[in-house]
PDB file of all heavy atoms in Angstrom:
ATOM      1  N   TYR A   1      34.370 -42.906   9.521  1.00  0.00           N
ATOM      2  CA  TYR A   1      34.115 -44.336   9.674  1.00  0.00           C
ATOM      3  C   TYR A   1      32.620 -44.546   9.856  1.00  0.00           C
ATOM      4  O   TYR A   1      31.925 -43.712  10.445  1.00  0.00           O
ATOM      5  CB  TYR A   1      34.916 -44.889  10.858  1.00  0.00           C
ATOM      6  CG  TYR A   1      36.389 -44.916  10.534  1.00  0.00           C
ATOM      7  CD1 TYR A   1      37.148 -43.755  10.614  1.00  0.00           C
ATOM      8  CD2 TYR A   1      36.997 -46.073  10.084  1.00  0.00           C
ATOM      9  CE1 TYR A   1      38.498 -43.758  10.262  1.00  0.00           C
ATOM     10  CE2 TYR A   1      38.347 -46.089   9.733  1.00  0.00           C
ATOM     11  CZ  TYR A   1      39.086 -44.920   9.824  1.00  0.00           C
ATOM     12  OH  TYR A   1      40.404 -44.922   9.473  1.00  0.00           O
ATOM     13  N   ALA A   2      32.111 -45.671   9.375  1.00  0.00           N
ATOM     14  CA  ALA A   2      30.670 -45.933   9.376  1.00  0.00           C
ATOM     15  C   ALA A   2      30.106 -46.159  10.769  1.00  0.00           C
ATOM     16  O   ALA A   2      28.943 -45.852  11.009  1.00  0.00           O
ATOM     17  CB  ALA A   2      30.357 -47.137   8.491  1.00  0.00           C
ATOM     18  N   THR A   3      30.925 -46.684  11.676  1.00  0.00           N
ATOM     19  CA  THR A   3      30.443 -46.964  13.035  1.00  0.00           C
ATOM     20  C   THR A   3      31.497 -46.516  14.047  1.00  0.00           C
ATOM     21  O   THR A   3      32.685 -46.393  13.716  1.00  0.00           O
ATOM     22  CB  THR A   3      30.177 -48.466  13.259  1.00  0.00           C
ATOM     23  OG1 THR A   3      31.430 -49.173  13.217  1.00  0.00           O
ATOM     24  CG2 THR A   3      29.216 -49.027  12.218  1.00  0.00           C
ATOM     25  N   LEU A   4      31.053 -46.315  15.277  1.00  0.00           N
ATOM     26  CA  LEU A   4      31.996 -46.009  16.347  1.00  0.00           C
ATOM     27  C   LEU A   4      32.947 -47.181  16.548  1.00  0.00           C
ATOM     28  O   LEU A   4      34.137 -46.992  16.799  1.00  0.00           O
ATOM     29  CB  LEU A   4      31.245 -45.681  17.642  1.00  0.00           C
ATOM     30  CG  LEU A   4      32.107 -45.294  18.837  1.00  0.00           C
ATOM     31  CD1 LEU A   4      32.959 -44.055  18.547  1.00  0.00           C
ATOM     32  CD2 LEU A   4      31.231 -45.056  20.068  1.00  0.00           C
ATOM     33  N   GLY A   5      32.441 -48.390  16.391  1.00  0.00           N
ATOM     34  CA  GLY A   5      33.289 -49.577  16.507  1.00  0.00           C
ATOM     35  C   GLY A   5      34.426 -49.579  15.501  1.00  0.00           C
ATOM     36  O   GLY A   5      35.557 -49.953  15.826  1.00  0.00           O
ATOM     37  N   GLU A   6      34.155 -49.154  14.265  1.00  0.00           N
ATOM     38  CA  GLU A   6      35.205 -49.082  13.247  1.00  0.00           C
ATOM     39  C   GLU A   6      36.245 -48.028  13.614  1.00  0.00           C
ATOM     40  O   GLU A   6      37.444 -48.244  13.448  1.00  0.00           O
ATOM     41  CB  GLU A   6      34.614 -48.791  11.876  1.00  0.00           C
ATOM     42  CG  GLU A   6      33.860 -49.954  11.281  1.00  0.00           C
ATOM     43  CD  GLU A   6      33.265 -49.634   9.922  1.00  0.00           C
ATOM     44  OE1 GLU A   6      33.616 -48.589   9.322  1.00  0.00           O
ATOM     45  OE2 GLU A   6      32.445 -50.437   9.440  1.00  0.00           O
ATOM     46  N   LEU A   7      35.779 -46.864  14.090  1.00  0.00           N
ATOM     47  CA  LEU A   7      36.705 -45.804  14.511  1.00  0.00           C
ATOM     48  C   LEU A   7      37.600 -46.308  15.639  1.00  0.00           C
ATOM     49  O   LEU A   7      38.825 -46.136  15.598  1.00  0.00           O
ATOM     50  CB  LEU A   7      35.936 -44.565  14.961  1.00  0.00           C
ATOM     51  CG  LEU A   7      36.793 -43.426  15.527  1.00  0.00           C
ATOM     52  CD1 LEU A   7      37.623 -42.774  14.429  1.00  0.00           C
ATOM     53  CD2 LEU A   7      35.917 -42.397  16.221  1.00  0.00           C
ATOM     54  N   LEU A   8      37.004 -46.939  16.641  1.00  0.00           N
ATOM     55  CA  LEU A   8      37.782 -47.431  17.782  1.00  0.00           C
ATOM     56  C   LEU A   8      38.665 -48.612  17.390  1.00  0.00           C
ATOM     57  O   LEU A   8      39.771 -48.768  17.917  1.00  0.00           O
ATOM     58  CB  LEU A   8      36.850 -47.801  18.928  1.00  0.00           C
ATOM     59  CG  LEU A   8      36.132 -46.605  19.558  1.00  0.00           C
ATOM     60  CD1 LEU A   8      35.058 -47.081  20.536  1.00  0.00           C
ATOM     61  CD2 LEU A   8      37.121 -45.668  20.241  1.00  0.00           C
ATOM     62  N   GLY A   9      38.207 -49.440  16.462  1.00  0.00           N
ATOM     63  CA  GLY A   9      39.049 -50.518  15.951  1.00  0.00           C
ATOM     64  C   GLY A   9      40.278 -49.982  15.245  1.00  0.00           C
ATOM     65  O   GLY A   9      41.385 -50.518  15.389  1.00  0.00           O
ATOM     66  N   ASN A  10      40.102 -48.893  14.488  1.00  0.00           N
ATOM     67  CA  ASN A  10      41.239 -48.257  13.822  1.00  0.00           C
ATOM     68  C   ASN A  10      42.200 -47.672  14.849  1.00  0.00           C
ATOM     69  O   ASN A  10      43.419 -47.791  14.716  1.00  0.00           O
ATOM     70  CB  ASN A  10      40.765 -47.183  12.848  1.00  0.00           C
ATOM     71  CG  ASN A  10      41.861 -46.683  11.955  1.00  0.00           C
ATOM     72  OD1 ASN A  10      42.474 -47.464  11.233  1.00  0.00           O
ATOM     73  ND2 ASN A  10      42.125 -45.395  11.999  1.00  0.00           N
ATOM     74  N   TYR A  11      41.646 -47.031  15.891  1.00  0.00           N
ATOM     75  CA  TYR A  11      42.484 -46.508  16.980  1.00  0.00           C
ATOM     76  C   TYR A  11      43.324 -47.638  17.587  1.00  0.00           C
ATOM     77  O   TYR A  11      44.534 -47.501  17.758  1.00  0.00           O
ATOM     78  CB  TYR A  11      41.605 -45.859  18.058  1.00  0.00           C
ATOM     79  CG  TYR A  11      42.285 -45.752  19.398  1.00  0.00           C
ATOM     80  CD1 TYR A  11      43.264 -44.786  19.631  1.00  0.00           C
ATOM     81  CD2 TYR A  11      41.982 -46.648  20.420  1.00  0.00           C
ATOM     82  CE1 TYR A  11      43.911 -44.720  20.854  1.00  0.00           C
ATOM     83  CE2 TYR A  11      42.622 -46.581  21.646  1.00  0.00           C
ATOM     84  CZ  TYR A  11      43.593 -45.612  21.852  1.00  0.00           C
ATOM     85  OH  TYR A  11      44.247 -45.560  23.060  1.00  0.00           O
ATOM     86  N   ARG A  12      42.696 -48.764  17.890  1.00  0.00           N
ATOM     87  CA  ARG A  12      43.399 -49.887  18.505  1.00  0.00           C
ATOM     88  C   ARG A  12      44.481 -50.434  17.560  1.00  0.00           C
ATOM     89  O   ARG A  12      45.594 -50.724  17.979  1.00  0.00           O
ATOM     90  CB  ARG A  12      42.392 -50.977  18.864  1.00  0.00           C
ATOM     91  CG  ARG A  12      42.998 -52.110  19.652  1.00  0.00           C
ATOM     92  CD  ARG A  12      42.035 -53.200  20.040  1.00  0.00           C
ATOM     93  NE  ARG A  12      40.663 -52.935  19.696  1.00  0.00           N
ATOM     94  CZ  ARG A  12      39.626 -53.478  20.294  1.00  0.00           C
ATOM     95  NH1 ARG A  12      39.793 -54.307  21.283  1.00  0.00           N
ATOM     96  NH2 ARG A  12      38.402 -53.212  19.903  1.00  0.00           N
ATOM     97  N   ARG A  13      44.158 -50.559  16.277  1.00  0.00           N
ATOM     98  CA  ARG A  13      45.113 -51.057  15.281  1.00  0.00           C
ATOM     99  C   ARG A  13      46.317 -50.127  15.163  1.00  0.00           C
ATOM    100  O   ARG A  13      47.471 -50.572  15.160  1.00  0.00           O
ATOM    101  CB  ARG A  13      44.398 -51.198  13.930  1.00  0.00           C
ATOM    102  CG  ARG A  13      45.249 -51.784  12.813  1.00  0.00           C
ATOM    103  CD  ARG A  13      44.452 -51.824  11.507  1.00  0.00           C
ATOM    104  NE  ARG A  13      44.075 -50.508  11.034  1.00  0.00           N
ATOM    105  CZ  ARG A  13      44.899 -49.663  10.410  1.00  0.00           C
ATOM    106  NH1 ARG A  13      46.166 -50.001  10.207  1.00  0.00           N
ATOM    107  NH2 ARG A  13      44.473 -48.484   9.994  1.00  0.00           N
ATOM    108  N   LEU A  14      46.055 -48.815  15.108  1.00  0.00           N
ATOM    109  CA  LEU A  14      47.143 -47.850  14.987  1.00  0.00           C
ATOM    110  C   LEU A  14      48.004 -47.818  16.249  1.00  0.00           C
ATOM    111  O   LEU A  14      49.236 -47.740  16.163  1.00  0.00           O
ATOM    112  CB  LEU A  14      46.597 -46.456  14.677  1.00  0.00           C
ATOM    113  CG  LEU A  14      45.968 -46.302  13.293  1.00  0.00           C
ATOM    114  CD1 LEU A  14      45.305 -44.949  13.167  1.00  0.00           C
ATOM    115  CD2 LEU A  14      46.988 -46.532  12.198  1.00  0.00           C
ATOM    116  N   LYS A  15      47.375 -47.890  17.402  1.00  0.00           N
ATOM    117  CA  LYS A  15      48.139 -47.901  18.659  1.00  0.00           C
ATOM    118  C   LYS A  15      49.081 -49.103  18.696  1.00  0.00           C
ATOM    119  O   LYS A  15      50.242 -48.977  19.078  1.00  0.00           O
ATOM    120  CB  LYS A  15      47.183 -47.919  19.852  1.00  0.00           C
ATOM    121  CG  LYS A  15      47.901 -47.836  21.174  1.00  0.00           C
ATOM    122  CD  LYS A  15      46.939 -47.744  22.327  1.00  0.00           C
ATOM    123  CE  LYS A  15      47.745 -47.667  23.621  1.00  0.00           C
ATOM    124  NZ  LYS A  15      46.892 -47.560  24.791  1.00  0.00           N
ATOM    125  N   ALA A  16      48.607 -50.270  18.273  1.00  0.00           N
ATOM    126  CA  ALA A  16      49.446 -51.468  18.224  1.00  0.00           C
ATOM    127  C   ALA A  16      50.614 -51.305  17.256  1.00  0.00           C
ATOM    128  O   ALA A  16      51.679 -51.907  17.444  1.00  0.00           O
ATOM    129  CB  ALA A  16      48.603 -52.684  17.842  1.00  0.00           C
ATOM    130  N   ALA A  17      50.423 -50.456  16.226  1.00  0.00           N
ATOM    131  CA  ALA A  17      51.482 -50.183  15.237  1.00  0.00           C
ATOM    132  C   ALA A  17      52.389 -49.036  15.675  1.00  0.00           C
ATOM    133  O   ALA A  17      53.281 -48.631  14.936  1.00  0.00           O
ATOM    134  CB  ALA A  17      50.862 -49.876  13.873  1.00  0.00           C
ATOM    135  N   GLY A  18      52.147 -48.487  16.883  1.00  0.00           N
ATOM    136  CA  GLY A  18      52.994 -47.405  17.397  1.00  0.00           C
ATOM    137  C   GLY A  18      52.565 -46.016  16.979  1.00  0.00           C
ATOM    138  O   GLY A  18      53.308 -45.053  17.161  1.00  0.00           O
ATOM    139  N   ILE A  19      51.363 -45.870  16.426  1.00  0.00           N
ATOM    140  CA  ILE A  19      50.863 -44.556  16.013  1.00  0.00           C
ATOM    141  C   ILE A  19      49.837 -44.110  17.046  1.00  0.00           C
ATOM    142  O   ILE A  19      48.767 -44.707  17.179  1.00  0.00           O
ATOM    143  CB  ILE A  19      50.249 -44.598  14.605  1.00  0.00           C
ATOM    144  CG1 ILE A  19      51.311 -45.028  13.582  1.00  0.00           C
ATOM    145  CG2 ILE A  19      49.658 -43.243  14.232  1.00  0.00           C
ATOM    146  CD1 ILE A  19      50.773 -45.259  12.183  1.00  0.00           C
ATOM    147  N   GLU A  20      50.177 -43.062  17.789  1.00  0.00           N
ATOM    148  CA  GLU A  20      49.325 -42.560  18.867  1.00  0.00           C
ATOM    149  C   GLU A  20      48.587 -41.301  18.422  1.00  0.00           C
ATOM    150  O   GLU A  20      49.133 -40.480  17.680  1.00  0.00           O
ATOM    151  CB  GLU A  20      50.174 -42.206  20.093  1.00  0.00           C
ATOM    152  CG  GLU A  20      50.877 -43.393  20.734  1.00  0.00           C
ATOM    153  CD  GLU A  20      49.965 -44.214  21.627  1.00  0.00           C
ATOM    154  OE1 GLU A  20      48.872 -43.729  21.995  1.00  0.00           O
ATOM    155  OE2 GLU A  20      50.353 -45.340  21.954  1.00  0.00           O
ATOM    156  N   PRO A  21      47.352 -41.125  18.874  1.00  0.00           N
ATOM    157  CA  PRO A  21      46.639 -39.889  18.538  1.00  0.00           C
ATOM    158  C   PRO A  21      47.248 -38.690  19.253  1.00  0.00           C
ATOM    159  O   PRO A  21      47.878 -38.835  20.298  1.00  0.00           O
ATOM    160  CB  PRO A  21      45.217 -40.153  19.044  1.00  0.00           C
ATOM    161  CG  PRO A  21      45.347 -41.223  20.057  1.00  0.00           C
ATOM    162  CD  PRO A  21      46.565 -42.023  19.698  1.00  0.00           C
ATOM    163  N   VAL A  22      47.052 -37.520  18.644  1.00  0.00           N
ATOM    164  CA  VAL A  22      47.508 -36.274  19.268  1.00  0.00           C
ATOM    165  C   VAL A  22      46.366 -35.528  19.934  1.00  0.00           C
ATOM    166  O   VAL A  22      46.605 -34.622  20.736  1.00  0.00           O
ATOM    167  CB  VAL A  22      48.227 -35.346  18.251  1.00  0.00           C
ATOM    168  CG1 VAL A  22      49.502 -35.996  17.749  1.00  0.00           C
ATOM    169  CG2 VAL A  22      47.316 -34.962  17.096  1.00  0.00           C
ATOM    170  N   TRP A  23      45.114 -35.907  19.601  1.00  0.00           N
ATOM    171  CA  TRP A  23      43.959 -35.229  20.197  1.00  0.00           C
ATOM    172  C   TRP A  23      42.739 -36.105  19.999  1.00  0.00           C
ATOM    173  O   TRP A  23      42.488 -36.602  18.894  1.00  0.00           O
ATOM    174  CB  TRP A  23      43.754 -33.887  19.507  1.00  0.00           C
ATOM    175  CG  TRP A  23      42.781 -32.943  20.132  1.00  0.00           C
ATOM    176  CD1 TRP A  23      42.404 -32.861  21.444  1.00  0.00           C
ATOM    177  CD2 TRP A  23      42.053 -31.911  19.454  1.00  0.00           C
ATOM    178  NE1 TRP A  23      41.509 -31.846  21.625  1.00  0.00           N
ATOM    179  CE2 TRP A  23      41.274 -31.238  20.416  1.00  0.00           C
ATOM    180  CE3 TRP A  23      41.996 -31.488  18.139  1.00  0.00           C
ATOM    181  CZ2 TRP A  23      40.449 -30.176  20.105  1.00  0.00           C
ATOM    182  CZ3 TRP A  23      41.169 -30.425  17.821  1.00  0.00           C
ATOM    183  CH2 TRP A  23      40.413 -29.771  18.795  1.00  0.00           C
ATOM    184  N   CYS A  24      41.974 -36.284  21.063  1.00  0.00           N
ATOM    185  CA  CYS A  24      40.718 -37.034  21.012  1.00  0.00           C
ATOM    186  C   CYS A  24      39.633 -36.130  21.567  1.00  0.00           C
ATOM    187  O   CYS A  24      39.723 -35.687  22.722  1.00  0.00           O
ATOM    188  CB  CYS A  24      40.826 -38.314  21.840  1.00  0.00           C
ATOM    189  SG  CYS A  24      42.120 -39.429  21.265  1.00  0.00           S
ATOM    190  N   ILE A  25      38.625 -35.856  20.752  1.00  0.00           N
ATOM    191  CA  ILE A  25      37.600 -34.886  21.150  1.00  0.00           C
ATOM    192  C   ILE A  25      36.239 -35.291  20.586  1.00  0.00           C
ATOM    193  O   ILE A  25      36.142 -35.774  19.458  1.00  0.00           O
ATOM    194  CB  ILE A  25      37.974 -33.458  20.688  1.00  0.00           C
ATOM    195  CG1 ILE A  25      36.985 -32.445  21.224  1.00  0.00           C
ATOM    196  CG2 ILE A  25      38.155 -33.370  19.203  1.00  0.00           C
ATOM    197  CD1 ILE A  25      37.485 -31.022  21.247  1.00  0.00           C
ATOM    198  N   ASN A  26      35.221 -35.080  21.397  1.00  0.00           N
ATOM    199  CA  ASN A  26      33.853 -35.228  20.933  1.00  0.00           C
ATOM    200  C   ASN A  26      33.373 -33.829  20.573  1.00  0.00           C
ATOM    201  O   ASN A  26      33.210 -32.987  21.453  1.00  0.00           O
ATOM    202  CB  ASN A  26      32.967 -35.856  22.016  1.00  0.00           C
ATOM    203  CG  ASN A  26      31.579 -36.131  21.506  1.00  0.00           C
ATOM    204  OD1 ASN A  26      30.997 -35.341  20.776  1.00  0.00           O
ATOM    205  ND2 ASN A  26      31.033 -37.267  21.892  1.00  0.00           N
ATOM    206  N   HIS A  27      33.184 -33.593  19.277  1.00  0.00           N
ATOM    207  CA  HIS A  27      32.734 -32.281  18.795  1.00  0.00           C
ATOM    208  C   HIS A  27      31.220 -32.125  18.924  1.00  0.00           C
ATOM    209  O   HIS A  27      30.687 -31.084  18.552  1.00  0.00           O
ATOM    210  CB  HIS A  27      33.108 -32.097  17.325  1.00  0.00           C
ATOM    211  CG  HIS A  27      34.571 -31.951  17.054  1.00  0.00           C
ATOM    212  ND1 HIS A  27      35.322 -30.903  17.523  1.00  0.00           N
ATOM    213  CD2 HIS A  27      35.415 -32.735  16.335  1.00  0.00           C
ATOM    214  CE1 HIS A  27      36.573 -31.032  17.098  1.00  0.00           C
ATOM    215  NE2 HIS A  27      36.655 -32.144  16.378  1.00  0.00           N
ATOM    216  N   GLY A  28      30.549 -33.133  19.406  1.00  0.00           N
ATOM    217  CA  GLY A  28      29.088 -33.130  19.463  1.00  0.00           C
ATOM    218  C   GLY A  28      28.535 -33.861  18.266  1.00  0.00           C
ATOM    219  O   GLY A  28      27.961 -34.926  18.390  1.00  0.00           O
ATOM    220  N   PHE A  29      28.755 -33.326  17.081  1.00  0.00           N
ATOM    221  CA  PHE A  29      28.276 -33.970  15.865  1.00  0.00           C
ATOM    222  C   PHE A  29      29.203 -35.079  15.391  1.00  0.00           C
ATOM    223  O   PHE A  29      28.796 -35.936  14.627  1.00  0.00           O
ATOM    224  CB  PHE A  29      28.002 -32.948  14.750  1.00  0.00           C
ATOM    225  CG  PHE A  29      29.175 -32.068  14.415  1.00  0.00           C
ATOM    226  CD1 PHE A  29      30.015 -32.380  13.383  1.00  0.00           C
ATOM    227  CD2 PHE A  29      29.398 -30.905  15.150  1.00  0.00           C
ATOM    228  CE1 PHE A  29      31.092 -31.559  13.068  1.00  0.00           C
ATOM    229  CE2 PHE A  29      30.461 -30.080  14.841  1.00  0.00           C
ATOM    230  CZ  PHE A  29      31.320 -30.412  13.812  1.00  0.00           C
ATOM    231  N   THR A  30      30.464 -35.085  15.870  1.00  0.00           N
ATOM    232  CA  THR A  30      31.391 -36.182  15.576  1.00  0.00           C
ATOM    233  C   THR A  30      32.166 -36.565  16.831  1.00  0.00           C
ATOM    234  O   THR A  30      32.370 -35.745  17.724  1.00  0.00           O
ATOM    235  CB  THR A  30      32.438 -35.827  14.492  1.00  0.00           C
ATOM    236  OG1 THR A  30      33.301 -34.800  14.990  1.00  0.00           O
ATOM    237  CG2 THR A  30      31.805 -35.410  13.185  1.00  0.00           C
ATOM    238  N   THR A  31      32.591 -37.819  16.868  1.00  0.00           N
ATOM    239  CA  THR A  31      33.598 -38.285  17.812  1.00  0.00           C
ATOM    240  C   THR A  31      34.860 -38.399  16.980  1.00  0.00           C
ATOM    241  O   THR A  31      34.873 -39.114  15.972  1.00  0.00           O
ATOM    242  CB  THR A  31      33.207 -39.645  18.418  1.00  0.00           C
ATOM    243  OG1 THR A  31      31.986 -39.475  19.142  1.00  0.00           O
ATOM    244  CG2 THR A  31      34.286 -40.167  19.350  1.00  0.00           C
ATOM    245  N   SER A  32      35.922 -37.686  17.370  1.00  0.00           N
ATOM    246  CA  SER A  32      37.084 -37.522  16.497  1.00  0.00           C
ATOM    247  C   SER A  32      38.383 -37.880  17.202  1.00  0.00           C
ATOM    248  O   SER A  32      38.610 -37.487  18.343  1.00  0.00           O
ATOM    249  CB  SER A  32      37.163 -36.073  16.004  1.00  0.00           C
ATOM    250  OG  SER A  32      35.975 -35.736  15.305  1.00  0.00           O
ATOM    251  N   ILE A  33      39.219 -38.604  16.467  1.00  0.00           N
ATOM    252  CA  ILE A  33      40.561 -38.954  16.930  1.00  0.00           C
ATOM    253  C   ILE A  33      41.533 -38.425  15.880  1.00  0.00           C
ATOM    254  O   ILE A  33      41.462 -38.813  14.717  1.00  0.00           O
ATOM    255  CB  ILE A  33      40.711 -40.475  17.121  1.00  0.00           C
ATOM    256  CG1 ILE A  33      39.663 -40.990  18.115  1.00  0.00           C
ATOM    257  CG2 ILE A  33      42.124 -40.820  17.575  1.00  0.00           C
ATOM    258  CD1 ILE A  33      39.643 -42.502  18.288  1.00  0.00           C
ATOM    259  N   TYR A  34      42.409 -37.513  16.313  1.00  0.00           N
ATOM    260  CA  TYR A  34      43.338 -36.846  15.403  1.00  0.00           C
ATOM    261  C   TYR A  34      44.741 -37.434  15.519  1.00  0.00           C
ATOM    262  O   TYR A  34      45.197 -37.781  16.617  1.00  0.00           O
ATOM    263  CB  TYR A  34      43.434 -35.357  15.737  1.00  0.00           C
ATOM    264  CG  TYR A  34      42.207 -34.548  15.408  1.00  0.00           C
ATOM    265  CD1 TYR A  34      41.118 -34.515  16.278  1.00  0.00           C
ATOM    266  CD2 TYR A  34      42.152 -33.794  14.245  1.00  0.00           C
ATOM    267  CE1 TYR A  34      39.992 -33.751  15.983  1.00  0.00           C
ATOM    268  CE2 TYR A  34      41.031 -33.024  13.953  1.00  0.00           C
ATOM    269  CZ  TYR A  34      39.962 -33.007  14.827  1.00  0.00           C
ATOM    270  OH  TYR A  34      38.852 -32.250  14.540  1.00  0.00           O
ATOM    271  N   TYR A  35      45.431 -37.476  14.392  1.00  0.00           N
ATOM    272  CA  TYR A  35      46.820 -37.926  14.308  1.00  0.00           C
ATOM    273  C   TYR A  35      47.614 -36.894  13.525  1.00  0.00           C
ATOM    274  O   TYR A  35      47.045 -36.104  12.778  1.00  0.00           O
ATOM    275  CB  TYR A  35      46.908 -39.277  13.574  1.00  0.00           C
ATOM    276  CG  TYR A  35      46.135 -40.377  14.255  1.00  0.00           C
ATOM    277  CD1 TYR A  35      44.793 -40.611  13.960  1.00  0.00           C
ATOM    278  CD2 TYR A  35      46.745 -41.180  15.207  1.00  0.00           C
ATOM    279  CE1 TYR A  35      44.083 -41.614  14.600  1.00  0.00           C
ATOM    280  CE2 TYR A  35      46.037 -42.197  15.846  1.00  0.00           C
ATOM    281  CZ  TYR A  35      44.712 -42.400  15.539  1.00  0.00           C
ATOM    282  OH  TYR A  35      44.015 -43.389  16.180  1.00  0.00           O
ATOM    283  N   CYS A  36      48.935 -36.926  13.653  1.00  0.00           N
ATOM    284  CA  CYS A  36      49.816 -36.103  12.809  1.00  0.00           C
ATOM    285  C   CYS A  36      50.611 -37.021  11.904  1.00  0.00           C
ATOM    286  O   CYS A  36      51.165 -38.029  12.360  1.00  0.00           O
ATOM    287  CB  CYS A  36      50.776 -35.279  13.664  1.00  0.00           C
ATOM    288  SG  CYS A  36      50.049 -33.771  14.307  1.00  0.00           S
ATOM    289  N   ASP A  37      50.668 -36.667  10.632  1.00  0.00           N
ATOM    290  CA  ASP A  37      51.501 -37.441   9.717  1.00  0.00           C
ATOM    291  C   ASP A  37      52.961 -37.004   9.871  1.00  0.00           C
ATOM    292  O   ASP A  37      53.247 -36.068  10.639  1.00  0.00           O
ATOM    293  CB  ASP A  37      50.978 -37.336   8.284  1.00  0.00           C
ATOM    294  CG  ASP A  37      51.226 -36.021   7.577  1.00  0.00           C
ATOM    295  OD1 ASP A  37      52.024 -35.184   8.065  1.00  0.00           O
ATOM    296  OD2 ASP A  37      50.615 -35.806   6.509  1.00  0.00           O
ATOM    297  N   PRO A  38      53.902 -37.659   9.201  1.00  0.00           N
ATOM    298  CA  PRO A  38      55.319 -37.318   9.377  1.00  0.00           C
ATOM    299  C   PRO A  38      55.691 -35.875   9.038  1.00  0.00           C
ATOM    300  O   PRO A  38      56.675 -35.358   9.541  1.00  0.00           O
ATOM    301  CB  PRO A  38      56.041 -38.300   8.448  1.00  0.00           C
ATOM    302  CG  PRO A  38      55.137 -39.482   8.408  1.00  0.00           C
ATOM    303  CD  PRO A  38      53.746 -38.900   8.436  1.00  0.00           C
ATOM    304  N   ASP A  39      54.896 -35.201   8.214  1.00  0.00           N
ATOM    305  CA  ASP A  39      55.148 -33.796   7.897  1.00  0.00           C
ATOM    306  C   ASP A  39      54.468 -32.852   8.886  1.00  0.00           C
ATOM    307  O   ASP A  39      54.570 -31.638   8.767  1.00  0.00           O
ATOM    308  CB  ASP A  39      54.655 -33.449   6.488  1.00  0.00           C
ATOM    309  CG  ASP A  39      55.627 -33.881   5.407  1.00  0.00           C
ATOM    310  OD1 ASP A  39      56.771 -34.253   5.734  1.00  0.00           O
ATOM    311  OD2 ASP A  39      55.233 -33.846   4.221  1.00  0.00           O
ATOM    312  N   GLY A  40      53.707 -33.404   9.848  1.00  0.00           N
ATOM    313  CA  GLY A  40      53.025 -32.583  10.826  1.00  0.00           C
ATOM    314  C   GLY A  40      51.617 -32.191  10.438  1.00  0.00           C
ATOM    315  O   GLY A  40      50.973 -31.407  11.139  1.00  0.00           O
TER     316      GLY A  40
END
């Protein structure tokens, strides 16, 4: 995502749709929010 705001906006949108992240981590060079699709 181009901005942290866009990443967090996507997180908020997905949470409202019932899709929760499985891992949230700051790798240093990226701020990352991970999800699992239906196949894992």
